[in-house]
């Protein structure tokens, strides 16, 4: 009987080893087919947007991998009926523990269906500006301009104001310009519009717009609004500022800066300052021995030493 028990034990061990080998084969084949499915879906959806391609690629890959993992577990002897029996209790526990995750997942589905943002867009979320790297089920990842990765929960993405900088094909740049009060405003307005017309990056439709913003503390303020294509907006912003400065310098138009000046009239020329009462010498306000004042006269500018020299008597001269 001992040899029979040993034979049965070896048979069971061989059967278990064969099951684990088949399970491992399922896992390896599943990973390979999941990658193949992702590549196939990516090639078949080239006409779609980047976000839709990523979503379909992940869906196909995860679906194939899940099927093969389930087959591998079943081959290894895992009983799914036990899991189904405890599914009710497990679902309640997981539901309480994953309320935030479920909210982020639902918000992620809303973001994907709404298509308000896509991979590659430059957005501003709560003061964080960056390029969208991915929109996943739980979070959205951004890469800032200083090369930092920011993960934002999808629930925050849904409840926060989002500014998409490159969703539309054209953008407007508003340049704030101030000129001195002495300048000819007609000349200033013509110069600004001519600069905008000569810039090849400024669109003709919509046309450049010049708005008078009113009187400032030391300048008359204008706003020059110009339109450009989305990809040329940053270059236009840099170029038109230099062109306005160079054009105003060539025409002699003053660009004032914050300062304090005193004027005697409408002409912006500083008036001279003349010292009327010179500084009084130290000790000039003290009284002399005779009790008389020794302060200098404001009109004559005479000091105490001069007055003493003028009133002194010489005994030799009296003789």
Protein backbone atom coordinates (compact mmCIF):
# COMPACT_ATOMS: atom_id res chain seq x y z
CA UNK A 1 0.00 0.00 0.00
CA UNK A 2 2.96 2.27 0.57
CA UNK A 3 4.00 2.18 -3.05
CA UNK A 4 0.40 3.04 -4.06
CA UNK A 5 0.33 6.07 -1.80
CA UNK A 6 3.68 7.22 -3.15
CA UNK A 7 2.45 6.77 -6.72
CA UNK A 8 -0.70 8.78 -6.02
CA UNK A 9 1.33 11.51 -4.32
CA UNK A 10 3.66 11.74 -7.30
CA UNK A 11 0.72 11.79 -9.65
CA UNK A 12 -0.93 14.64 -7.73
CA UNK A 13 2.33 16.58 -7.58
CA UNK A 14 2.85 16.13 -11.32
CA UNK A 15 -0.73 17.27 -11.98
CA UNK A 16 -0.24 20.39 -9.84
CA UNK A 17 3.05 21.18 -11.53
CA UNK A 18 1.43 20.77 -14.92
CA UNK A 19 -1.41 23.12 -13.86
CA UNK A 20 1.06 25.79 -12.74
CA UNK A 21 3.00 25.43 -15.96
CA UNK A 22 -0.16 25.88 -18.01
CA UNK A 23 -1.13 28.90 -15.86
CA UNK A 24 2.29 30.46 -16.49
CA UNK A 25 1.88 29.86 -20.21
CA UNK A 26 -1.52 31.60 -20.10
CA UNK A 27 0.06 34.61 -18.40
CA UNK A 28 2.91 34.87 -20.91
CA UNK A 29 0.62 34.43 -23.90
CA UNK A 30 -1.84 36.92 -22.41
CA UNK A 31 0.83 39.60 -22.01
CA UNK A 32 2.04 39.06 -25.57
CA UNK A 33 -1.48 39.16 -27.03
CA UNK A 34 -2.35 42.24 -24.95
CA UNK A 35 0.61 44.12 -26.43
CA UNK A 36 -0.30 42.91 -29.90
CA UNK A 37 -3.89 44.08 -29.42
CA UNK A 38 -2.67 47.52 -28.29
CA UNK A 39 -0.44 47.88 -31.36
CA UNK A 40 -3.23 46.73 -33.68
CA UNK A 41 -5.78 49.15 -32.21
CA UNK A 42 -3.26 51.99 -32.35
CA UNK A 43 -2.69 51.41 -36.07
CA UNK A 44 -6.39 51.02 -36.80
CA UNK A 45 -7.33 54.30 -35.07
CA UNK A 46 -4.85 56.69 -36.64
CA UNK A 47 -7.65 58.88 -37.92
CA UNK A 48 -8.96 59.46 -34.38
CA UNK A 49 -7.76 61.90 -31.78
CA UNK A 50 -4.92 61.15 -29.40
CA UNK A 51 -7.19 60.76 -26.38
CA UNK A 52 -9.56 58.32 -28.14
CA UNK A 53 -6.61 56.27 -29.38
CA UNK A 54 -5.15 55.96 -25.89
CA UNK A 55 -8.53 54.98 -24.43
CA UNK A 56 -9.22 52.28 -27.04
CA UNK A 57 -5.66 50.96 -26.86
CA UNK A 58 -5.84 50.56 -23.11
CA UNK A 59 -9.31 49.02 -23.26
CA UNK A 60 -8.21 46.36 -25.74
CA UNK A 61 -4.99 45.61 -23.87
CA UNK A 62 -6.61 45.33 -20.45
CA UNK A 63 -9.50 43.21 -21.76
CA UNK A 64 -7.20 40.60 -23.33
CA UNK A 65 -4.93 40.56 -20.29
CA UNK A 66 -7.88 40.15 -17.88
CA UNK A 67 -9.25 37.14 -19.82
CA UNK A 68 -5.91 35.33 -19.81
CA UNK A 69 -5.26 36.10 -16.15
CA UNK A 70 -8.68 34.68 -15.24
CA UNK A 71 -7.91 31.54 -17.27
CA UNK A 72 -4.51 31.23 -15.58
CA UNK A 73 -6.04 31.49 -12.10
CA UNK A 74 -8.67 28.91 -12.96
CA UNK A 75 -6.02 26.57 -14.35
CA UNK A 76 -4.02 26.95 -11.14
CA UNK A 77 -7.01 25.79 -9.11
CA UNK A 78 -8.51 29.10 -7.99
CA UNK A 79 -12.27 28.72 -7.39
CA UNK A 80 -14.28 31.71 -8.59
CA UNK A 81 -17.45 30.51 -6.88
CA UNK A 82 -15.86 31.31 -3.52
CA UNK A 83 -15.15 34.82 -4.75
CA UNK A 84 -18.69 35.21 -6.03
CA UNK A 85 -20.07 34.08 -2.68
CA UNK A 86 -18.17 36.82 -0.87
CA UNK A 87 -18.78 39.39 -3.58
CA UNK A 88 -21.68 40.98 -1.72
CA UNK A 89 -19.72 41.72 1.45
CA UNK A 90 -16.64 42.68 -0.52
CA UNK A 91 -18.63 45.08 -2.70
CA UNK A 92 -20.02 46.94 0.33
CA UNK A 93 -16.58 47.21 1.92
CA UNK A 94 -14.92 48.35 -1.27
CA UNK A 95 -17.75 50.81 -1.94
CA UNK A 96 -17.19 52.62 1.36
CA UNK A 97 -13.43 52.57 0.96
CA UNK A 98 -13.36 53.82 -2.63
CA UNK A 99 -15.87 56.67 -2.69
CA UNK A 100 -13.23 59.15 -3.82
CA UNK A 101 -11.89 56.76 -6.45
CA UNK A 102 -15.39 56.14 -7.79
CA UNK A 103 -16.00 59.89 -7.97
CA UNK A 104 -12.73 60.39 -9.86
CA UNK A 105 -13.59 57.54 -12.22
CA UNK A 106 -17.01 58.99 -13.05
CA UNK A 107 -15.43 62.43 -13.52
CA UNK A 108 -12.86 60.87 -15.85
CA UNK A 109 -15.63 59.40 -17.98
CA UNK A 110 -17.27 62.83 -18.16
CA UNK A 111 -13.99 64.40 -19.28
CA UNK A 112 -13.53 61.80 -22.01
CA UNK A 113 -17.08 62.16 -23.26
CA UNK A 114 -17.11 65.96 -23.08
CA UNK A 115 -13.76 66.28 -24.89
CA UNK A 116 -13.03 69.67 -23.36
CA UNK A 117 -9.34 68.78 -23.16
CA UNK A 118 -7.13 66.45 -25.15
CA UNK A 119 -3.58 65.18 -25.03
CA UNK A 120 -1.18 67.90 -26.09
CA UNK A 121 -3.41 70.82 -25.02
CA UNK A 122 -1.94 73.63 -22.92
CA UNK A 123 -4.37 74.27 -20.06
CA UNK A 124 -4.59 76.23 -16.83
CA UNK A 125 -6.18 74.40 -13.90
CA UNK A 126 -6.34 76.34 -10.65
CA UNK A 127 -3.22 78.33 -11.49
CA UNK A 128 -1.26 75.29 -12.74
CA UNK A 129 -0.30 75.68 -16.41
CA UNK A 130 1.02 72.74 -18.39
CA UNK A 131 0.66 70.33 -21.29
CA UNK A 132 -1.82 67.48 -20.96
CA UNK A 133 0.03 64.16 -20.97
CA UNK A 134 -2.91 61.84 -20.36
CA UNK A 135 -6.51 61.77 -19.17
CA UNK A 136 -6.93 58.55 -17.21
CA UNK A 137 -9.93 57.20 -15.34
CA UNK A 138 -8.73 58.50 -11.96
CA UNK A 139 -6.54 61.49 -12.74
CA UNK A 140 -5.16 63.82 -15.38
CA UNK A 141 -1.44 64.33 -15.73
CA UNK A 142 0.14 67.64 -16.77
CA UNK A 143 3.72 68.55 -17.61
CA UNK A 144 4.57 72.11 -16.63
CA UNK A 145 6.93 74.33 -18.61
CA UNK A 146 9.70 73.73 -16.05
CA UNK A 147 9.35 69.97 -16.71
CA UNK A 148 7.40 68.95 -13.62
CA UNK A 149 4.70 66.28 -13.72
CA UNK A 150 1.49 67.31 -11.94
CA UNK A 151 -1.25 64.78 -11.18
CA UNK A 152 -4.71 66.29 -10.77
CA UNK A 153 -7.68 64.15 -9.65
CA UNK A 154 -10.45 64.08 -12.22
CA UNK A 155 -12.97 65.27 -9.64
CA UNK A 156 -10.93 68.47 -9.32
CA UNK A 157 -10.80 68.77 -13.10
CA UNK A 158 -14.59 68.65 -13.30
CA UNK A 159 -15.28 71.10 -10.46
CA UNK A 160 -12.51 73.62 -11.29
CA UNK A 161 -12.41 76.24 -14.03
CA UNK A 162 -10.18 75.09 -16.89
CA UNK A 163 -8.63 77.46 -19.43
CA UNK A 164 -7.57 75.78 -22.67
CA UNK A 165 -5.01 77.92 -24.48
CA UNK A 166 -4.80 76.07 -27.79
CA UNK A 167 -8.26 74.64 -28.25
CA UNK A 168 -9.23 77.34 -30.77
CA UNK A 169 -7.20 78.14 -33.91
CA UNK A 170 -6.49 81.85 -33.21
CA UNK A 171 -5.67 83.91 -30.12
CA UNK A 172 -5.59 87.61 -29.26
CA UNK A 173 -2.80 89.54 -27.59
CA UNK A 174 -3.54 92.78 -25.73
CA UNK A 175 -0.60 95.18 -25.51
CA UNK A 176 -0.93 97.96 -22.92
CA UNK A 177 0.81 101.18 -24.06
CA UNK A 178 1.08 104.51 -22.26
CA UNK A 179 2.26 107.78 -23.86
CA UNK A 180 3.14 111.13 -22.34
CA UNK A 181 0.50 113.83 -22.04
CA UNK A 182 2.40 116.14 -24.38
CA UNK A 183 2.17 113.74 -27.35
CA UNK A 184 -0.11 114.16 -30.37
CA UNK A 185 -2.70 111.41 -29.89
CA UNK A 186 -3.57 111.19 -33.57
CA UNK A 187 0.08 110.57 -34.34
CA UNK A 188 0.27 107.92 -31.60
CA UNK A 189 -2.82 106.07 -32.82
CA UNK A 190 -1.62 106.06 -36.41
CA UNK A 191 1.81 104.78 -35.35
CA UNK A 192 0.33 101.88 -33.37
CA UNK A 193 -2.00 100.78 -36.18
CA UNK A 194 0.81 101.04 -38.75
CA UNK A 195 3.04 98.84 -36.60
CA UNK A 196 0.30 96.22 -36.37
CA UNK A 197 -0.32 96.34 -40.13
CA UNK A 198 3.36 95.85 -40.94
CA UNK A 199 3.72 92.80 -38.68
CA UNK A 200 3.24 89.67 -40.82
CA UNK A 201 2.04 87.63 -37.84
CA UNK A 202 -0.96 89.90 -37.19
CA UNK A 203 -4.13 88.65 -38.84
CA UNK A 204 -6.15 90.97 -41.06
CA UNK A 205 -9.39 89.29 -39.98
CA UNK A 206 -10.08 89.96 -37.16
CA UNK A 207 -8.44 93.33 -37.73
CA UNK A 208 -6.19 95.00 -35.13
CA UNK A 209 -8.15 97.03 -32.60
CA UNK A 210 -6.97 100.15 -30.74
CA UNK A 211 -8.84 101.09 -27.56
CA UNK A 212 -8.32 104.25 -25.50
CA UNK A 213 -8.11 103.22 -21.85
CA UNK A 214 -8.26 106.74 -20.39
CA UNK A 215 -5.98 109.01 -18.42
CA UNK A 216 -3.43 107.50 -16.09
CA UNK A 217 -1.27 108.95 -13.33
CA UNK A 218 1.50 109.98 -15.72
CA UNK A 219 0.34 108.78 -19.15
CA UNK A 220 -2.53 108.42 -21.58
CA UNK A 221 -3.15 104.70 -21.89
CA UNK A 222 -4.04 102.63 -24.95
CA UNK A 223 -4.69 98.95 -25.57
CA UNK A 224 -3.56 97.50 -28.89
CA UNK A 225 -5.38 94.19 -29.53
CA UNK A 226 -3.97 92.01 -32.32
CA UNK A 227 -4.86 88.48 -33.43
CA UNK A 228 -2.53 85.69 -34.47
CA UNK A 229 -2.61 82.01 -35.19
CA UNK A 230 -2.32 79.81 -32.15
CA UNK A 231 1.16 78.60 -33.02
CA UNK A 232 2.40 82.17 -33.70
CA UNK A 233 0.95 83.85 -30.59
CA UNK A 234 4.08 83.78 -28.45
CA UNK A 235 6.31 85.03 -31.27
CA UNK A 236 3.87 87.85 -31.99
CA UNK A 237 3.84 88.86 -28.35
CA UNK A 238 7.63 89.17 -28.30
CA UNK A 239 7.97 90.90 -31.67
CA UNK A 240 5.27 93.53 -31.44
CA UNK A 241 6.58 94.82 -28.11
CA UNK A 242 9.99 95.45 -29.65
CA UNK A 243 8.44 96.99 -32.76
CA UNK A 244 6.35 99.45 -30.75
CA UNK A 245 9.38 100.55 -28.74
CA UNK A 246 11.51 100.97 -31.88
CA UNK A 247 8.72 102.80 -33.75
CA UNK A 248 8.10 105.24 -30.90
CA UNK A 249 11.83 105.96 -30.59
CA UNK A 250 12.02 106.69 -34.30
CA UNK A 251 9.03 109.06 -34.18
CA UNK A 252 10.13 110.72 -30.95
CA UNK A 253 7.10 109.56 -28.96
CA UNK A 254 7.78 109.39 -25.24
CA UNK A 255 6.95 106.25 -23.28
CA UNK A 256 6.67 107.54 -19.69
CA UNK A 257 7.60 105.53 -16.66
CA UNK A 258 6.48 106.07 -13.06
CA UNK A 259 8.21 109.19 -11.75
CA UNK A 260 7.42 112.45 -9.93
CA UNK A 261 7.94 115.81 -11.64
CA UNK A 262 6.79 119.34 -10.87
CA UNK A 263 5.40 121.53 -13.66
CA UNK A 264 4.56 125.24 -13.75
CA UNK A 265 2.22 124.94 -16.69
CA UNK A 266 0.86 122.66 -19.43
CA UNK A 267 4.25 122.39 -21.14
CA UNK A 268 6.20 119.46 -19.76
CA UNK A 269 9.38 121.34 -18.96
CA UNK A 270 10.77 121.33 -15.41
CA UNK A 271 11.02 124.78 -13.85
CA UNK A 272 14.29 125.89 -12.17
CA UNK A 273 14.58 126.01 -8.40
CA UNK A 274 16.50 128.98 -6.84
CA UNK A 275 17.59 129.09 -3.21
CA UNK A 276 16.12 132.27 -1.72
CA UNK A 277 17.21 132.01 1.94
CA UNK A 278 20.69 130.48 2.33
CA UNK A 279 21.49 128.19 5.20
CA UNK A 280 22.05 129.93 8.54
CA UNK A 281 25.36 129.27 10.25
CA UNK A 282 25.28 127.17 13.41
CA UNK A 283 24.61 129.19 16.56
CA UNK A 284 23.16 132.11 14.62
CA UNK A 285 19.98 132.17 16.66
CA UNK A 286 21.74 132.58 20.04
CA UNK A 287 21.71 135.96 21.70
CA UNK A 288 24.85 138.18 22.11
CA UNK A 289 26.23 139.76 25.32
CA UNK A 290 24.17 142.90 24.85
CA UNK A 291 21.00 140.88 24.60
CA UNK A 292 20.45 141.83 20.94
CA UNK A 293 19.67 139.27 18.26
CA UNK A 294 22.48 137.90 16.12
CA UNK A 295 20.41 136.15 13.49
CA UNK A 296 21.17 136.96 9.86
CA UNK A 297 18.85 139.11 7.82
CA UNK A 298 16.98 137.14 5.18
CA UNK A 299 17.39 139.90 2.63
CA UNK A 300 21.01 140.86 3.19
CA UNK A 301 22.44 137.47 4.02
CA UNK A 302 24.63 139.04 6.74
CA UNK A 303 25.94 136.69 9.37
CA UNK A 304 26.86 137.28 13.03
CA UNK A 305 30.58 137.50 12.31
CA UNK A 306 30.02 140.21 9.68
CA UNK A 307 27.84 142.24 12.05
CA UNK A 308 30.39 141.99 14.86
CA UNK A 309 33.16 143.20 12.56
CA UNK A 310 31.04 146.12 11.40
CA UNK A 311 30.13 147.37 14.94
CA UNK A 312 33.50 146.88 16.62
CA UNK A 313 35.58 150.01 17.69
CA UNK A 314 39.33 150.39 17.64
CA UNK A 315 40.84 152.37 20.62
CA UNK A 316 43.85 153.41 18.58
CA UNK A 317 41.66 154.91 15.90
CA UNK A 318 39.82 157.07 18.48
CA UNK A 319 43.06 158.68 19.50
